[in-house]
N, C-alpha and C. Protein backbone atom coordinates (compact mmCIF):
# COMPACT_ATOMS: atom_id res chain seq x y z
N MET A 1 -0.61 -35.51 -29.00
CA MET A 1 0.13 -34.59 -28.15
C MET A 1 -0.77 -33.51 -27.55
N THR A 2 -1.73 -33.03 -28.37
CA THR A 2 -2.65 -32.02 -27.87
C THR A 2 -3.45 -32.52 -26.67
N GLY A 3 -3.92 -33.77 -26.78
CA GLY A 3 -4.67 -34.35 -25.68
C GLY A 3 -3.85 -34.43 -24.41
N MET A 4 -2.58 -34.80 -24.56
CA MET A 4 -1.71 -34.87 -23.39
C MET A 4 -1.49 -33.49 -22.79
N THR A 5 -1.37 -32.48 -23.66
CA THR A 5 -1.20 -31.11 -23.18
C THR A 5 -2.42 -30.64 -22.42
N ASP A 6 -3.61 -30.96 -22.97
CA ASP A 6 -4.86 -30.58 -22.30
C ASP A 6 -4.96 -31.25 -20.94
N MET A 7 -4.58 -32.53 -20.87
CA MET A 7 -4.64 -33.25 -19.60
C MET A 7 -3.70 -32.63 -18.58
N ALA A 8 -2.51 -32.23 -19.06
CA ALA A 8 -1.55 -31.62 -18.15
C ALA A 8 -2.08 -30.29 -17.63
N GLY A 9 -2.71 -29.51 -18.53
CA GLY A 9 -3.28 -28.23 -18.11
C GLY A 9 -4.40 -28.41 -17.12
N THR A 10 -5.23 -29.43 -17.35
CA THR A 10 -6.33 -29.71 -16.43
C THR A 10 -5.80 -30.13 -15.06
N ALA A 11 -4.79 -30.99 -15.07
CA ALA A 11 -4.20 -31.43 -13.80
C ALA A 11 -3.62 -30.26 -13.03
N LYS A 12 -2.97 -29.34 -13.75
CA LYS A 12 -2.39 -28.17 -13.09
C LYS A 12 -3.48 -27.29 -12.49
N THR A 13 -4.58 -27.13 -13.23
CA THR A 13 -5.67 -26.30 -12.72
C THR A 13 -6.31 -26.92 -11.49
N LEU A 14 -6.45 -28.23 -11.48
CA LEU A 14 -6.98 -28.91 -10.31
C LEU A 14 -6.07 -28.72 -9.10
N VAL A 15 -4.77 -28.71 -9.34
CA VAL A 15 -3.82 -28.45 -8.25
C VAL A 15 -4.00 -27.03 -7.72
N LEU A 16 -4.24 -26.08 -8.64
CA LEU A 16 -4.45 -24.70 -8.21
C LEU A 16 -5.70 -24.57 -7.35
N LEU A 17 -6.71 -25.38 -7.62
CA LEU A 17 -7.89 -25.38 -6.75
C LEU A 17 -7.50 -25.79 -5.33
N ASP A 18 -6.69 -26.84 -5.21
CA ASP A 18 -6.23 -27.27 -3.89
C ASP A 18 -5.46 -26.15 -3.19
N VAL A 19 -4.62 -25.45 -3.95
CA VAL A 19 -3.82 -24.37 -3.38
C VAL A 19 -4.72 -23.24 -2.89
N ALA A 20 -5.70 -22.86 -3.72
CA ALA A 20 -6.61 -21.77 -3.34
C ALA A 20 -7.42 -22.13 -2.10
N ILE A 21 -7.87 -23.38 -2.04
CA ILE A 21 -8.63 -23.84 -0.88
C ILE A 21 -7.77 -23.76 0.38
N GLU A 22 -6.51 -24.17 0.27
CA GLU A 22 -5.62 -24.12 1.43
C GLU A 22 -5.31 -22.69 1.84
N GLU A 23 -5.24 -21.78 0.86
CA GLU A 23 -5.00 -20.37 1.19
C GLU A 23 -6.14 -19.83 2.05
N PHE A 24 -7.37 -20.20 1.71
CA PHE A 24 -8.49 -19.74 2.53
C PHE A 24 -8.45 -20.41 3.90
N ALA A 25 -8.19 -21.71 3.94
CA ALA A 25 -8.15 -22.43 5.21
C ALA A 25 -7.06 -21.87 6.13
N ARG A 26 -5.93 -21.48 5.54
CA ARG A 26 -4.82 -20.94 6.33
C ARG A 26 -5.24 -19.69 7.08
N ARG A 27 -6.00 -18.81 6.44
CA ARG A 27 -6.48 -17.61 7.12
C ARG A 27 -7.61 -17.94 8.09
N LEU A 28 -8.45 -18.88 7.71
CA LEU A 28 -9.57 -19.23 8.58
C LEU A 28 -9.08 -19.79 9.92
N ARG A 29 -7.98 -20.50 9.90
CA ARG A 29 -7.43 -21.05 11.15
C ARG A 29 -7.00 -19.94 12.11
N LEU A 30 -6.79 -18.74 11.60
CA LEU A 30 -6.33 -17.62 12.42
C LEU A 30 -7.46 -16.78 13.00
N VAL A 31 -8.69 -17.04 12.57
CA VAL A 31 -9.83 -16.24 13.03
C VAL A 31 -10.11 -16.55 14.50
N GLY A 32 -10.06 -15.51 15.32
CA GLY A 32 -10.32 -15.68 16.75
C GLY A 32 -11.75 -15.34 17.10
N PRO A 33 -12.14 -15.60 18.34
CA PRO A 33 -13.52 -15.32 18.77
C PRO A 33 -13.95 -13.88 18.56
N GLY A 34 -13.01 -12.95 18.65
CA GLY A 34 -13.36 -11.54 18.50
C GLY A 34 -13.33 -11.03 17.07
N ASP A 35 -13.03 -11.92 16.12
CA ASP A 35 -12.87 -11.48 14.73
C ASP A 35 -14.13 -11.61 13.88
N TRP A 36 -15.11 -12.37 14.33
CA TRP A 36 -16.22 -12.73 13.45
C TRP A 36 -17.07 -11.55 13.01
N ARG A 37 -17.10 -10.48 13.80
CA ARG A 37 -17.91 -9.32 13.42
C ARG A 37 -17.08 -8.20 12.80
N ARG A 38 -15.83 -8.47 12.52
CA ARG A 38 -15.01 -7.47 11.85
C ARG A 38 -15.56 -7.20 10.45
N PRO A 39 -15.46 -5.96 9.96
CA PRO A 39 -15.91 -5.67 8.59
C PRO A 39 -14.95 -6.24 7.55
N THR A 40 -15.44 -6.45 6.35
CA THR A 40 -14.60 -6.90 5.24
C THR A 40 -14.76 -5.93 4.08
N LEU A 41 -13.95 -6.12 3.05
CA LEU A 41 -14.05 -5.28 1.86
C LEU A 41 -15.38 -5.47 1.14
N CYS A 42 -16.03 -6.60 1.34
CA CYS A 42 -17.36 -6.83 0.78
C CYS A 42 -18.35 -6.20 1.76
N THR A 43 -18.85 -5.04 1.42
CA THR A 43 -19.50 -4.18 2.41
C THR A 43 -20.68 -4.82 3.12
N GLU A 44 -21.36 -5.76 2.47
CA GLU A 44 -22.53 -6.36 3.10
C GLU A 44 -22.16 -7.52 4.02
N TRP A 45 -20.88 -7.87 4.08
CA TRP A 45 -20.45 -9.02 4.86
C TRP A 45 -19.46 -8.64 5.95
N ASP A 46 -19.67 -9.17 7.16
CA ASP A 46 -18.61 -9.19 8.14
C ASP A 46 -17.83 -10.48 7.93
N VAL A 47 -16.85 -10.75 8.80
CA VAL A 47 -16.02 -11.94 8.60
C VAL A 47 -16.86 -13.21 8.60
N ARG A 48 -17.80 -13.30 9.52
CA ARG A 48 -18.62 -14.52 9.57
C ARG A 48 -19.41 -14.72 8.28
N ALA A 49 -20.00 -13.65 7.77
CA ALA A 49 -20.78 -13.75 6.53
C ALA A 49 -19.89 -14.10 5.35
N LEU A 50 -18.67 -13.56 5.32
CA LEU A 50 -17.73 -13.89 4.25
C LEU A 50 -17.39 -15.37 4.27
N VAL A 51 -17.07 -15.88 5.46
CA VAL A 51 -16.73 -17.30 5.57
C VAL A 51 -17.93 -18.17 5.21
N ASP A 52 -19.10 -17.76 5.65
CA ASP A 52 -20.31 -18.51 5.33
C ASP A 52 -20.54 -18.55 3.82
N HIS A 53 -20.27 -17.44 3.14
CA HIS A 53 -20.39 -17.41 1.68
C HIS A 53 -19.46 -18.43 1.03
N VAL A 54 -18.22 -18.48 1.49
CA VAL A 54 -17.25 -19.38 0.87
C VAL A 54 -17.60 -20.84 1.16
N VAL A 55 -18.01 -21.13 2.38
CA VAL A 55 -18.43 -22.50 2.71
C VAL A 55 -19.68 -22.86 1.90
N GLY A 56 -20.63 -21.93 1.83
CA GLY A 56 -21.83 -22.17 1.03
C GLY A 56 -21.51 -22.40 -0.43
N ALA A 57 -20.51 -21.69 -0.94
CA ALA A 57 -20.11 -21.89 -2.34
C ALA A 57 -19.55 -23.29 -2.56
N ASN A 58 -18.85 -23.83 -1.56
CA ASN A 58 -18.41 -25.22 -1.68
C ASN A 58 -19.60 -26.15 -1.90
N VAL A 59 -20.67 -25.89 -1.18
CA VAL A 59 -21.89 -26.69 -1.33
C VAL A 59 -22.52 -26.45 -2.69
N ARG A 60 -22.60 -25.19 -3.11
CA ARG A 60 -23.23 -24.86 -4.39
C ARG A 60 -22.52 -25.51 -5.56
N TYR A 61 -21.20 -25.54 -5.52
CA TYR A 61 -20.47 -26.12 -6.66
C TYR A 61 -20.64 -27.63 -6.72
N GLN A 62 -20.82 -28.28 -5.60
CA GLN A 62 -21.17 -29.71 -5.64
C GLN A 62 -22.50 -29.90 -6.36
N LEU A 63 -23.48 -29.09 -5.99
CA LEU A 63 -24.79 -29.18 -6.62
C LEU A 63 -24.71 -28.88 -8.11
N LEU A 64 -23.97 -27.84 -8.48
CA LEU A 64 -23.84 -27.47 -9.88
C LEU A 64 -23.23 -28.60 -10.70
N LEU A 65 -22.19 -29.21 -10.18
CA LEU A 65 -21.51 -30.28 -10.91
C LEU A 65 -22.37 -31.53 -11.02
N HIS A 66 -23.37 -31.65 -10.17
CA HIS A 66 -24.27 -32.80 -10.24
C HIS A 66 -25.62 -32.46 -10.85
N GLY A 67 -25.66 -31.29 -11.55
CA GLY A 67 -26.83 -30.98 -12.36
C GLY A 67 -28.03 -30.44 -11.64
N ALA A 68 -27.85 -29.91 -10.43
CA ALA A 68 -28.99 -29.37 -9.68
C ALA A 68 -29.56 -28.15 -10.39
N PRO A 69 -30.88 -27.95 -10.32
CA PRO A 69 -31.49 -26.76 -10.93
C PRO A 69 -31.10 -25.50 -10.19
N THR A 70 -31.19 -24.37 -10.87
CA THR A 70 -30.75 -23.09 -10.32
C THR A 70 -31.44 -22.75 -9.01
N ASP A 71 -32.75 -23.00 -8.91
CA ASP A 71 -33.46 -22.61 -7.69
C ASP A 71 -32.96 -23.39 -6.48
N ARG A 72 -32.61 -24.65 -6.68
CA ARG A 72 -32.07 -25.44 -5.56
C ARG A 72 -30.69 -24.94 -5.16
N VAL A 73 -29.87 -24.58 -6.15
CA VAL A 73 -28.54 -24.06 -5.86
C VAL A 73 -28.64 -22.73 -5.11
N GLU A 74 -29.48 -21.84 -5.60
CA GLU A 74 -29.59 -20.51 -5.02
C GLU A 74 -30.21 -20.54 -3.63
N ALA A 75 -31.02 -21.54 -3.34
CA ALA A 75 -31.64 -21.66 -2.02
C ALA A 75 -30.59 -21.82 -0.92
N THR A 76 -29.40 -22.29 -1.27
CA THR A 76 -28.35 -22.47 -0.27
C THR A 76 -27.81 -21.15 0.26
N ARG A 77 -28.11 -20.06 -0.42
CA ARG A 77 -27.60 -18.76 0.01
C ARG A 77 -28.29 -18.26 1.29
N SER A 78 -29.41 -18.82 1.62
CA SER A 78 -30.13 -18.40 2.83
C SER A 78 -29.90 -19.36 3.99
N VAL A 79 -28.96 -20.27 3.85
CA VAL A 79 -28.66 -21.27 4.88
C VAL A 79 -27.39 -20.89 5.62
N ASP A 80 -27.36 -21.10 6.93
CA ASP A 80 -26.14 -20.93 7.72
C ASP A 80 -25.33 -22.22 7.59
N HIS A 81 -24.16 -22.10 6.95
CA HIS A 81 -23.35 -23.29 6.67
C HIS A 81 -22.25 -23.54 7.70
N LEU A 82 -22.11 -22.66 8.67
CA LEU A 82 -20.94 -22.75 9.56
C LEU A 82 -21.16 -23.61 10.79
N GLY A 83 -22.37 -23.61 11.35
CA GLY A 83 -22.61 -24.39 12.56
C GLY A 83 -21.73 -23.93 13.70
N ASP A 84 -21.30 -24.87 14.52
CA ASP A 84 -20.49 -24.55 15.69
C ASP A 84 -18.99 -24.56 15.40
N ASP A 85 -18.58 -25.05 14.23
CA ASP A 85 -17.17 -25.15 13.90
C ASP A 85 -16.97 -24.77 12.44
N ALA A 86 -16.66 -23.49 12.22
CA ALA A 86 -16.54 -22.97 10.85
C ALA A 86 -15.41 -23.66 10.08
N LEU A 87 -14.29 -23.90 10.74
CA LEU A 87 -13.16 -24.53 10.05
C LEU A 87 -13.52 -25.95 9.62
N ALA A 88 -14.13 -26.73 10.52
CA ALA A 88 -14.51 -28.10 10.18
C ALA A 88 -15.53 -28.10 9.04
N SER A 89 -16.46 -27.15 9.04
CA SER A 89 -17.44 -27.06 7.97
C SER A 89 -16.78 -26.73 6.64
N PHE A 90 -15.81 -25.80 6.69
CA PHE A 90 -15.10 -25.45 5.46
C PHE A 90 -14.33 -26.65 4.92
N VAL A 91 -13.58 -27.31 5.75
CA VAL A 91 -12.75 -28.43 5.31
C VAL A 91 -13.61 -29.55 4.73
N ALA A 92 -14.69 -29.89 5.42
CA ALA A 92 -15.54 -30.99 4.96
C ALA A 92 -16.20 -30.67 3.63
N THR A 93 -16.74 -29.46 3.50
CA THR A 93 -17.41 -29.11 2.24
C THR A 93 -16.40 -28.94 1.11
N ALA A 94 -15.21 -28.43 1.42
CA ALA A 94 -14.19 -28.28 0.39
C ALA A 94 -13.71 -29.64 -0.10
N ASP A 95 -13.53 -30.58 0.80
CA ASP A 95 -13.10 -31.92 0.39
C ASP A 95 -14.12 -32.56 -0.56
N ARG A 96 -15.39 -32.41 -0.23
CA ARG A 96 -16.44 -32.99 -1.09
C ARG A 96 -16.49 -32.28 -2.44
N MET A 97 -16.32 -30.96 -2.43
CA MET A 97 -16.34 -30.22 -3.68
C MET A 97 -15.17 -30.62 -4.58
N VAL A 98 -13.98 -30.68 -4.01
CA VAL A 98 -12.80 -31.06 -4.79
C VAL A 98 -12.99 -32.46 -5.39
N ALA A 99 -13.55 -33.37 -4.61
CA ALA A 99 -13.81 -34.72 -5.12
C ALA A 99 -14.75 -34.69 -6.32
N CYS A 100 -15.73 -33.79 -6.30
CA CYS A 100 -16.66 -33.66 -7.43
C CYS A 100 -15.94 -33.22 -8.69
N PHE A 101 -14.99 -32.31 -8.56
CA PHE A 101 -14.24 -31.85 -9.73
C PHE A 101 -13.36 -32.96 -10.30
N HIS A 102 -13.00 -33.93 -9.48
CA HIS A 102 -12.15 -35.04 -9.94
C HIS A 102 -12.95 -36.20 -10.53
N GLU A 103 -14.25 -36.13 -10.48
CA GLU A 103 -15.07 -37.21 -11.05
C GLU A 103 -14.88 -37.29 -12.57
N ASP A 104 -14.99 -38.49 -13.10
CA ASP A 104 -14.87 -38.66 -14.55
C ASP A 104 -15.87 -37.80 -15.29
N GLY A 105 -15.39 -37.00 -16.22
CA GLY A 105 -16.25 -36.17 -17.04
C GLY A 105 -16.75 -34.90 -16.39
N ALA A 106 -16.30 -34.63 -15.16
CA ALA A 106 -16.84 -33.48 -14.43
C ALA A 106 -16.59 -32.16 -15.16
N LEU A 107 -15.42 -32.01 -15.76
CA LEU A 107 -15.07 -30.73 -16.37
C LEU A 107 -15.76 -30.52 -17.71
N ASP A 108 -16.36 -31.57 -18.25
CA ASP A 108 -17.09 -31.45 -19.52
C ASP A 108 -18.59 -31.26 -19.31
N ARG A 109 -19.06 -31.41 -18.08
CA ARG A 109 -20.48 -31.26 -17.81
C ARG A 109 -20.91 -29.80 -17.98
N VAL A 110 -22.18 -29.60 -18.28
CA VAL A 110 -22.73 -28.25 -18.37
C VAL A 110 -23.63 -28.03 -17.16
N ALA A 111 -23.32 -26.98 -16.39
CA ALA A 111 -24.06 -26.68 -15.16
C ALA A 111 -24.92 -25.45 -15.37
N HIS A 112 -26.02 -25.39 -14.62
CA HIS A 112 -26.96 -24.28 -14.73
C HIS A 112 -26.68 -23.26 -13.63
N HIS A 113 -25.63 -22.49 -13.84
CA HIS A 113 -25.26 -21.45 -12.87
C HIS A 113 -26.21 -20.26 -13.02
N VAL A 114 -26.36 -19.48 -11.94
CA VAL A 114 -27.26 -18.34 -11.97
C VAL A 114 -26.87 -17.31 -13.04
N ILE A 115 -25.59 -17.23 -13.40
CA ILE A 115 -25.14 -16.28 -14.42
C ILE A 115 -25.19 -16.88 -15.82
N GLY A 116 -25.65 -18.11 -15.94
CA GLY A 116 -25.74 -18.76 -17.24
C GLY A 116 -25.11 -20.14 -17.22
N GLU A 117 -25.27 -20.88 -18.30
CA GLU A 117 -24.69 -22.21 -18.36
C GLU A 117 -23.17 -22.12 -18.40
N ARG A 118 -22.54 -22.96 -17.61
CA ARG A 118 -21.09 -22.99 -17.52
C ARG A 118 -20.62 -24.44 -17.53
N SER A 119 -19.51 -24.68 -18.21
CA SER A 119 -18.93 -26.02 -18.19
C SER A 119 -18.26 -26.26 -16.85
N GLY A 120 -17.99 -27.53 -16.57
CA GLY A 120 -17.27 -27.85 -15.34
C GLY A 120 -15.91 -27.19 -15.30
N ALA A 121 -15.25 -27.08 -16.46
CA ALA A 121 -13.94 -26.43 -16.51
C ALA A 121 -14.06 -24.95 -16.16
N GLU A 122 -15.12 -24.30 -16.63
CA GLU A 122 -15.33 -22.90 -16.28
C GLU A 122 -15.62 -22.75 -14.79
N LEU A 123 -16.41 -23.66 -14.24
CA LEU A 123 -16.69 -23.63 -12.80
C LEU A 123 -15.41 -23.79 -11.99
N LEU A 124 -14.50 -24.60 -12.47
CA LEU A 124 -13.24 -24.81 -11.77
C LEU A 124 -12.47 -23.49 -11.66
N SER A 125 -12.38 -22.76 -12.76
CA SER A 125 -11.69 -21.47 -12.73
C SER A 125 -12.41 -20.49 -11.81
N MET A 126 -13.74 -20.48 -11.87
CA MET A 126 -14.52 -19.59 -11.01
C MET A 126 -14.28 -19.90 -9.54
N ARG A 127 -14.16 -21.19 -9.23
CA ARG A 127 -13.98 -21.58 -7.82
C ARG A 127 -12.60 -21.18 -7.30
N ILE A 128 -11.60 -21.30 -8.16
CA ILE A 128 -10.26 -20.85 -7.78
C ILE A 128 -10.27 -19.36 -7.49
N LEU A 129 -10.93 -18.59 -8.35
CA LEU A 129 -11.03 -17.15 -8.15
C LEU A 129 -11.71 -16.82 -6.83
N ASP A 130 -12.85 -17.42 -6.59
CA ASP A 130 -13.62 -17.12 -5.39
C ASP A 130 -12.83 -17.45 -4.12
N ALA A 131 -12.24 -18.63 -4.08
CA ALA A 131 -11.52 -19.04 -2.87
C ALA A 131 -10.29 -18.18 -2.63
N ALA A 132 -9.54 -17.90 -3.68
CA ALA A 132 -8.29 -17.15 -3.51
C ALA A 132 -8.54 -15.70 -3.15
N ILE A 133 -9.46 -15.05 -3.86
CA ILE A 133 -9.70 -13.63 -3.59
C ILE A 133 -10.35 -13.43 -2.22
N HIS A 134 -11.24 -14.33 -1.85
CA HIS A 134 -11.83 -14.20 -0.52
C HIS A 134 -10.83 -14.59 0.58
N ALA A 135 -9.83 -15.38 0.24
CA ALA A 135 -8.74 -15.61 1.20
C ALA A 135 -8.01 -14.30 1.47
N TRP A 136 -7.81 -13.52 0.42
CA TRP A 136 -7.18 -12.21 0.60
C TRP A 136 -8.11 -11.29 1.41
N ASP A 137 -9.40 -11.29 1.09
CA ASP A 137 -10.35 -10.47 1.85
C ASP A 137 -10.32 -10.82 3.33
N LEU A 138 -10.27 -12.12 3.62
CA LEU A 138 -10.25 -12.56 5.02
C LEU A 138 -8.96 -12.12 5.70
N ALA A 139 -7.84 -12.27 4.98
CA ALA A 139 -6.56 -11.84 5.53
C ALA A 139 -6.58 -10.35 5.85
N ARG A 140 -7.12 -9.54 4.94
CA ARG A 140 -7.19 -8.09 5.17
C ARG A 140 -8.06 -7.78 6.39
N ALA A 141 -9.17 -8.49 6.52
CA ALA A 141 -10.10 -8.21 7.61
C ALA A 141 -9.52 -8.53 8.98
N ILE A 142 -8.68 -9.58 9.07
CA ILE A 142 -8.17 -9.98 10.39
C ILE A 142 -6.71 -9.61 10.60
N GLY A 143 -6.11 -8.93 9.61
CA GLY A 143 -4.72 -8.50 9.75
C GLY A 143 -3.71 -9.62 9.58
N ALA A 144 -4.01 -10.60 8.73
CA ALA A 144 -3.11 -11.73 8.49
C ALA A 144 -2.30 -11.50 7.22
N ASP A 145 -1.40 -12.41 6.93
CA ASP A 145 -0.58 -12.35 5.71
C ASP A 145 -1.49 -12.35 4.48
N GLU A 146 -1.30 -11.37 3.60
CA GLU A 146 -2.16 -11.20 2.44
C GLU A 146 -1.56 -11.78 1.15
N THR A 147 -0.38 -12.34 1.23
CA THR A 147 0.30 -12.80 0.02
C THR A 147 -0.34 -14.07 -0.53
N LEU A 148 -0.68 -14.03 -1.83
CA LEU A 148 -1.21 -15.20 -2.53
C LEU A 148 -0.10 -15.85 -3.36
N PRO A 149 -0.15 -17.16 -3.57
CA PRO A 149 0.89 -17.84 -4.34
C PRO A 149 0.99 -17.29 -5.77
N ASP A 150 2.22 -17.20 -6.26
CA ASP A 150 2.47 -16.64 -7.59
C ASP A 150 1.72 -17.37 -8.69
N ASP A 151 1.65 -18.71 -8.60
CA ASP A 151 1.00 -19.46 -9.68
C ASP A 151 -0.50 -19.23 -9.70
N VAL A 152 -1.09 -19.04 -8.53
CA VAL A 152 -2.52 -18.72 -8.47
C VAL A 152 -2.78 -17.33 -9.04
N VAL A 153 -1.94 -16.38 -8.67
CA VAL A 153 -2.08 -15.01 -9.17
C VAL A 153 -1.95 -14.98 -10.69
N ALA A 154 -0.94 -15.67 -11.23
CA ALA A 154 -0.74 -15.68 -12.68
C ALA A 154 -1.94 -16.29 -13.40
N PHE A 155 -2.46 -17.38 -12.86
CA PHE A 155 -3.63 -18.01 -13.45
C PHE A 155 -4.83 -17.06 -13.45
N LEU A 156 -5.07 -16.40 -12.32
CA LEU A 156 -6.24 -15.54 -12.19
C LEU A 156 -6.09 -14.25 -12.99
N LEU A 157 -4.88 -13.76 -13.17
CA LEU A 157 -4.68 -12.60 -14.03
C LEU A 157 -5.12 -12.92 -15.45
N ALA A 158 -4.74 -14.08 -15.94
CA ALA A 158 -5.14 -14.49 -17.29
C ALA A 158 -6.63 -14.74 -17.37
N TYR A 159 -7.15 -15.42 -16.37
CA TYR A 159 -8.57 -15.78 -16.39
C TYR A 159 -9.48 -14.56 -16.28
N SER A 160 -9.10 -13.60 -15.47
CA SER A 160 -9.98 -12.47 -15.18
C SER A 160 -9.87 -11.34 -16.18
N LEU A 161 -9.06 -11.49 -17.21
CA LEU A 161 -8.81 -10.40 -18.15
C LEU A 161 -10.10 -9.88 -18.77
N ASP A 162 -10.97 -10.80 -19.19
CA ASP A 162 -12.26 -10.40 -19.79
C ASP A 162 -13.42 -11.00 -19.02
N LEU A 163 -13.27 -11.06 -17.71
CA LEU A 163 -14.25 -11.76 -16.89
C LEU A 163 -15.54 -10.98 -16.78
N ASP A 164 -16.67 -11.67 -16.98
CA ASP A 164 -17.99 -11.09 -16.79
C ASP A 164 -18.74 -11.97 -15.79
N LEU A 165 -18.94 -11.43 -14.58
CA LEU A 165 -19.60 -12.20 -13.54
C LEU A 165 -21.10 -11.96 -13.49
N GLY A 166 -21.61 -11.17 -14.44
CA GLY A 166 -23.05 -10.95 -14.50
C GLY A 166 -23.56 -10.36 -13.19
N PRO A 167 -24.70 -10.84 -12.70
CA PRO A 167 -25.29 -10.27 -11.49
C PRO A 167 -24.47 -10.49 -10.23
N ARG A 168 -23.44 -11.35 -10.29
CA ARG A 168 -22.59 -11.59 -9.13
C ARG A 168 -21.34 -10.72 -9.15
N GLN A 169 -21.25 -9.77 -10.08
CA GLN A 169 -20.08 -8.90 -10.15
C GLN A 169 -19.83 -8.17 -8.83
N ASP A 170 -20.93 -7.80 -8.13
CA ASP A 170 -20.75 -7.04 -6.89
C ASP A 170 -20.08 -7.83 -5.79
N THR A 171 -20.05 -9.16 -5.91
CA THR A 171 -19.32 -9.98 -4.94
C THR A 171 -17.84 -9.64 -4.94
N PHE A 172 -17.34 -9.19 -6.08
CA PHE A 172 -15.93 -8.87 -6.21
C PHE A 172 -15.68 -7.37 -6.32
N ALA A 173 -16.68 -6.56 -6.03
CA ALA A 173 -16.59 -5.11 -6.08
C ALA A 173 -16.40 -4.64 -7.52
N THR A 174 -16.12 -3.37 -7.69
CA THR A 174 -16.00 -2.82 -9.04
C THR A 174 -14.55 -2.64 -9.42
N THR A 175 -14.29 -2.72 -10.71
CA THR A 175 -12.92 -2.63 -11.19
C THR A 175 -12.31 -1.28 -10.87
N SER A 176 -11.08 -1.30 -10.39
CA SER A 176 -10.35 -0.07 -10.10
C SER A 176 -9.36 0.21 -11.21
N ALA A 177 -9.37 1.42 -11.75
CA ALA A 177 -8.52 1.75 -12.88
C ALA A 177 -7.23 2.45 -12.48
N ASP A 178 -7.02 2.69 -11.17
CA ASP A 178 -5.89 3.52 -10.76
C ASP A 178 -4.67 2.71 -10.33
N VAL A 179 -4.52 1.53 -10.88
CA VAL A 179 -3.37 0.71 -10.54
C VAL A 179 -2.12 1.23 -11.23
N SER A 180 -1.02 1.23 -10.50
CA SER A 180 0.25 1.71 -11.04
C SER A 180 0.80 0.72 -12.07
N PRO A 181 1.44 1.22 -13.13
CA PRO A 181 2.05 0.31 -14.10
C PRO A 181 3.17 -0.53 -13.50
N ASP A 182 3.69 -0.10 -12.36
CA ASP A 182 4.76 -0.84 -11.68
C ASP A 182 4.23 -1.77 -10.60
N ALA A 183 2.90 -1.91 -10.51
CA ALA A 183 2.30 -2.75 -9.47
C ALA A 183 2.69 -4.21 -9.67
N SER A 184 2.77 -4.92 -8.57
CA SER A 184 3.06 -6.35 -8.63
C SER A 184 1.89 -7.09 -9.29
N PRO A 185 2.12 -8.31 -9.79
CA PRO A 185 1.01 -9.08 -10.37
C PRO A 185 -0.16 -9.22 -9.40
N GLN A 186 0.13 -9.47 -8.12
CA GLN A 186 -0.97 -9.60 -7.16
C GLN A 186 -1.74 -8.30 -7.04
N ASP A 187 -1.05 -7.18 -6.96
CA ASP A 187 -1.75 -5.90 -6.85
C ASP A 187 -2.56 -5.60 -8.12
N GLN A 188 -2.03 -5.96 -9.27
CA GLN A 188 -2.78 -5.78 -10.51
C GLN A 188 -4.08 -6.59 -10.46
N LEU A 189 -4.00 -7.82 -10.00
CA LEU A 189 -5.19 -8.67 -9.90
C LEU A 189 -6.18 -8.08 -8.92
N LEU A 190 -5.71 -7.66 -7.76
CA LEU A 190 -6.60 -7.13 -6.75
C LEU A 190 -7.30 -5.86 -7.23
N HIS A 191 -6.56 -4.97 -7.88
CA HIS A 191 -7.18 -3.77 -8.44
C HIS A 191 -8.22 -4.13 -9.49
N ARG A 192 -7.91 -5.12 -10.31
CA ARG A 192 -8.86 -5.54 -11.34
C ARG A 192 -10.18 -5.99 -10.72
N LEU A 193 -10.10 -6.54 -9.52
CA LEU A 193 -11.29 -7.05 -8.83
C LEU A 193 -11.80 -6.08 -7.76
N GLY A 194 -11.39 -4.82 -7.87
CA GLY A 194 -11.95 -3.78 -7.02
C GLY A 194 -11.33 -3.64 -5.65
N ARG A 195 -10.20 -4.30 -5.41
CA ARG A 195 -9.54 -4.17 -4.11
C ARG A 195 -8.50 -3.05 -4.16
N HIS A 196 -8.13 -2.55 -2.99
CA HIS A 196 -7.14 -1.49 -2.88
C HIS A 196 -6.05 -1.96 -1.92
N PRO A 197 -5.13 -2.78 -2.40
CA PRO A 197 -4.18 -3.46 -1.50
C PRO A 197 -3.20 -2.55 -0.79
N ASN A 198 -2.97 -1.34 -1.31
CA ASN A 198 -1.96 -0.47 -0.71
C ASN A 198 -2.57 0.57 0.23
N THR A 199 -3.81 0.36 0.64
CA THR A 199 -4.45 1.25 1.62
C THR A 199 -4.96 0.41 2.78
N GLU A 200 -5.37 1.08 3.83
CA GLU A 200 -5.95 0.39 4.97
C GLU A 200 -7.47 0.35 4.88
N GLU A 201 -7.99 0.71 3.71
CA GLU A 201 -9.43 0.86 3.55
C GLU A 201 -10.18 -0.45 3.71
N ILE A 202 -11.22 -0.40 4.52
CA ILE A 202 -12.21 -1.48 4.59
C ILE A 202 -13.54 -0.85 4.22
N ARG A 203 -14.07 -1.24 3.08
CA ARG A 203 -15.29 -0.60 2.58
C ARG A 203 -16.52 -1.36 2.98
């Protein structure tokens, strides 16, 4: 019974990856020609750089799941992944990444991530976090719907409770302690990851 429960949990988490990917794609489809240089909450990135990071992460996670060394994975951070069609690049790289997570034994593999060794299952949770939170960042930057699905929010609230991102912590800003006890689950998550959902602030 335990094995069946684990399989069900894994299947649900894989579905959440699909949902998070679609959340980012939904906002990306709304980006117009004049939006690419808009600022985002990630101070070093405009919209184009944010999207490039997410597309590049799709590539990095494929490499990680296939055992690539850290230097090869990190080298992708200096590559422009968008080309002439950012949406097509995102969809293609996301499809390949999702397929990697579905490979036999993928979630049991140990990958050499820059923050330390991580199992495929841990990478799966990290990827859901990255795609979903940056979907919110993109929505905030372009003035689109910021609502994330309840099941994704609930998963990420549990996952991020004791999250240590090591040297990549700045990708998600610093934790905000001023969240109201009456805040919605999504607002609690966003505050935990350094966002300020109830202001117009772009930092």
